[in-house]
Amino acid sequence: MGGWPQAESNNATIITQKNQTWEALGNIGGADAIPALVRAAAAARDPAERDTARESLSRLRGPGVQASLISILGTLDTPEKTEILRALGDRGDAGVAKVLLQHAASGTAPVRLAALESLRKIAAPETLLPLFELAAKSGAESDIQPTLRALYAVCQA
């Protein structure tokens, strides 16, 4: 039993170092940091590590970052794709509305819900009619409320 406190201390140190790495990548990284941050955000077991990777992904700036976030979407599995969609909403750029609408209209439930949440965050006026159409066509009960929340946000913007 004497080894447990040391193991816990080592795990805490490793998590702290990972968090510092993700934070640094968010501050100074560019498009090259996207794959590592997406993997960490999607797969981290520690909630603090996952949150740090998510925040860093949302903070990334520099040439080609937005375009890379959008272009990588087609190559990712659902957990990673949802992280990119969340980051696009957190970045607050209404220019990604078309991409978010495409993902809100198709794909797995987590992808649709992440896209709808991001549409709520950006509340871009040009999404009003497409969101009405999505609400009218929503077959899944789980999609109706997120779609309506996005619509309310657009109407209030």
Protein backbone atom coordinates (compact mmCIF):
# COMPACT_ATOMS: atom_id res chain seq x y z
CA MET A 1 0.00 0.00 0.00
CA GLY A 2 2.98 2.28 0.39
CA GLY A 3 3.08 2.84 -3.39
CA TRP A 4 -0.44 4.22 -3.80
CA PRO A 5 0.21 7.81 -2.66
CA GLN A 6 3.21 7.98 -4.99
CA ALA A 7 1.15 6.62 -7.90
CA GLU A 8 -1.61 9.17 -7.24
CA SER A 9 0.99 11.93 -7.07
CA ASN A 10 2.50 10.78 -10.38
CA ASN A 11 -0.93 10.69 -12.03
CA ALA A 12 -1.71 14.20 -10.78
CA THR A 13 1.64 15.42 -12.10
CA ILE A 14 1.03 13.84 -15.50
CA ILE A 15 -2.46 15.37 -15.73
CA THR A 16 -1.09 18.79 -14.75
CA GLN A 17 1.62 18.51 -17.40
CA LYS A 18 -0.93 17.49 -20.04
CA ASN A 19 -3.16 20.42 -19.10
CA GLN A 20 -0.23 22.79 -19.39
CA THR A 21 0.61 21.33 -22.80
CA TRP A 22 -2.96 21.73 -24.08
CA GLU A 23 -3.11 25.26 -22.72
CA ALA A 24 0.18 26.19 -24.38
CA LEU A 25 -1.00 24.75 -27.69
CA GLY A 26 -4.13 26.87 -27.47
CA ASN A 27 -2.04 29.98 -26.85
CA ILE A 28 0.72 29.52 -29.43
CA GLY A 29 -0.32 26.62 -31.63
CA GLY A 30 -1.77 27.01 -35.07
CA ALA A 31 -3.50 24.63 -37.43
CA ASP A 32 -0.88 21.97 -36.68
CA ALA A 33 -2.14 21.74 -33.09
CA ILE A 34 -5.69 20.76 -34.13
CA PRO A 35 -5.27 16.96 -34.31
CA ALA A 36 -3.65 16.67 -30.87
CA LEU A 37 -6.20 18.97 -29.23
CA VAL A 38 -9.14 17.20 -30.88
CA ARG A 39 -7.89 13.80 -29.73
CA ALA A 40 -7.37 15.08 -26.19
CA ALA A 41 -10.79 16.75 -26.06
CA ALA A 42 -12.51 13.62 -27.33
CA ALA A 43 -10.59 10.98 -25.41
CA ALA A 44 -9.34 12.47 -22.13
CA ARG A 45 -10.62 10.61 -19.11
CA ASP A 46 -9.89 13.45 -16.74
CA PRO A 47 -12.60 16.15 -17.00
CA ALA A 48 -10.11 18.97 -16.36
CA GLU A 49 -7.86 17.71 -19.13
CA ARG A 50 -10.81 17.40 -21.53
CA ASP A 51 -12.02 20.92 -20.65
CA THR A 52 -8.54 22.39 -21.09
CA ALA A 53 -8.17 20.75 -24.50
CA ARG A 54 -11.62 22.01 -25.52
CA GLU A 55 -10.88 25.57 -24.43
CA SER A 56 -7.53 25.50 -26.20
CA LEU A 57 -9.11 24.20 -29.40
CA SER A 58 -11.60 27.08 -29.26
CA ARG A 59 -8.81 29.62 -28.69
CA LEU A 60 -6.56 28.55 -31.56
CA ARG A 61 -5.83 31.41 -33.94
CA GLY A 62 -3.62 31.93 -36.91
CA PRO A 63 -3.53 31.36 -40.62
CA GLY A 64 -5.58 28.42 -41.78
CA VAL A 65 -6.99 27.42 -38.40
CA GLN A 66 -10.65 27.96 -39.28
CA ALA A 67 -10.26 26.30 -42.68
CA SER A 68 -8.43 23.35 -41.10
CA LEU A 69 -11.14 22.90 -38.48
CA ILE A 70 -13.75 22.72 -41.23
CA SER A 71 -11.77 20.54 -43.63
CA ILE A 72 -10.86 17.96 -40.99
CA LEU A 73 -14.54 17.34 -40.15
CA GLY A 74 -15.00 14.87 -43.00
CA THR A 75 -12.17 12.67 -41.79
CA LEU A 76 -13.15 12.29 -38.15
CA ASP A 77 -15.16 9.80 -36.14
CA THR A 78 -18.15 11.01 -34.13
CA PRO A 79 -16.39 11.92 -30.84
CA GLU A 80 -13.75 14.02 -32.60
CA LYS A 81 -16.29 15.52 -34.98
CA THR A 82 -18.45 16.70 -32.08
CA GLU A 83 -15.41 18.38 -30.51
CA ILE A 84 -14.70 20.31 -33.71
CA LEU A 85 -18.36 21.34 -33.99
CA ARG A 86 -18.33 22.54 -30.37
CA ALA A 87 -15.15 24.50 -30.99
CA LEU A 88 -16.63 26.16 -34.07
CA GLY A 89 -19.51 27.44 -31.95
CA ASP A 90 -17.25 28.51 -29.10
CA ARG A 91 -15.10 30.50 -31.54
CA GLY A 92 -18.18 32.61 -32.32
CA ASP A 93 -17.59 33.01 -36.06
CA ALA A 94 -20.92 33.20 -37.89
CA GLY A 95 -19.07 32.32 -41.10
CA VAL A 96 -19.30 28.64 -40.16
CA ALA A 97 -23.11 28.64 -40.07
CA LYS A 98 -23.45 26.72 -43.34
CA VAL A 99 -21.16 23.93 -42.10
CA LEU A 100 -23.02 23.75 -38.80
CA LEU A 101 -26.37 23.58 -40.58
CA GLN A 102 -25.14 20.69 -42.73
CA HIS A 103 -24.14 18.72 -39.66
CA ALA A 104 -27.31 19.66 -37.77
CA ALA A 105 -29.37 18.16 -40.59
CA SER A 106 -27.62 14.80 -40.83
CA GLY A 107 -25.31 12.41 -39.08
CA THR A 108 -25.40 10.76 -35.70
CA ALA A 109 -27.31 12.27 -32.78
CA PRO A 110 -24.18 13.58 -30.98
CA VAL A 111 -23.03 15.31 -34.18
CA ARG A 112 -26.45 16.88 -34.79
CA LEU A 113 -26.73 18.04 -31.18
CA ALA A 114 -23.21 19.54 -31.15
CA ALA A 115 -23.96 21.40 -34.39
CA LEU A 116 -27.28 22.69 -33.01
CA GLU A 117 -25.62 23.90 -29.81
CA SER A 118 -23.01 25.75 -31.85
CA LEU A 119 -25.73 27.29 -34.01
CA ARG A 120 -27.35 28.51 -30.80
CA LYS A 121 -24.06 30.08 -29.71
CA ILE A 122 -23.38 31.94 -32.95
CA ALA A 123 -27.06 32.91 -33.46
CA ALA A 124 -26.44 33.95 -37.06
CA PRO A 125 -29.47 35.62 -38.69
CA GLU A 126 -29.01 33.66 -41.93
CA THR A 127 -29.73 30.43 -40.05
CA LEU A 128 -33.30 31.42 -39.17
CA LEU A 129 -35.11 29.82 -42.13
CA PRO A 130 -32.92 26.69 -42.26
CA LEU A 131 -33.52 26.18 -38.53
CA PHE A 132 -37.29 26.54 -39.05
CA GLU A 133 -37.05 23.87 -41.74
CA LEU A 134 -35.02 21.63 -39.42
CA ALA A 135 -37.59 22.07 -36.66
CA ALA A 136 -40.42 21.18 -39.05
CA LYS A 137 -38.61 18.08 -40.29
CA SER A 138 -37.29 16.95 -36.90
CA GLY A 139 -38.28 13.34 -36.53
CA ALA A 140 -36.36 12.68 -33.34
CA GLU A 141 -37.85 14.12 -30.17
CA SER A 142 -34.30 14.68 -28.88
CA ASP A 143 -33.58 17.08 -31.77
CA ILE A 144 -36.62 19.32 -31.39
CA GLN A 145 -35.62 21.17 -28.19
CA PRO A 146 -32.03 21.91 -29.29
CA THR A 147 -33.36 23.14 -32.63
CA LEU A 148 -35.87 25.41 -30.90
CA ARG A 149 -33.15 26.75 -28.56
CA ALA A 150 -31.05 27.65 -31.61
CA LEU A 151 -34.08 29.33 -33.17
CA TYR A 152 -34.80 31.34 -30.00
CA ALA A 153 -31.18 32.50 -29.91
CA VAL A 154 -31.34 33.69 -33.51
CA CYS A 155 -34.62 35.54 -32.86
CA GLN A 156 -33.15 37.26 -29.82
CA ALA A 157 -29.88 38.25 -31.52
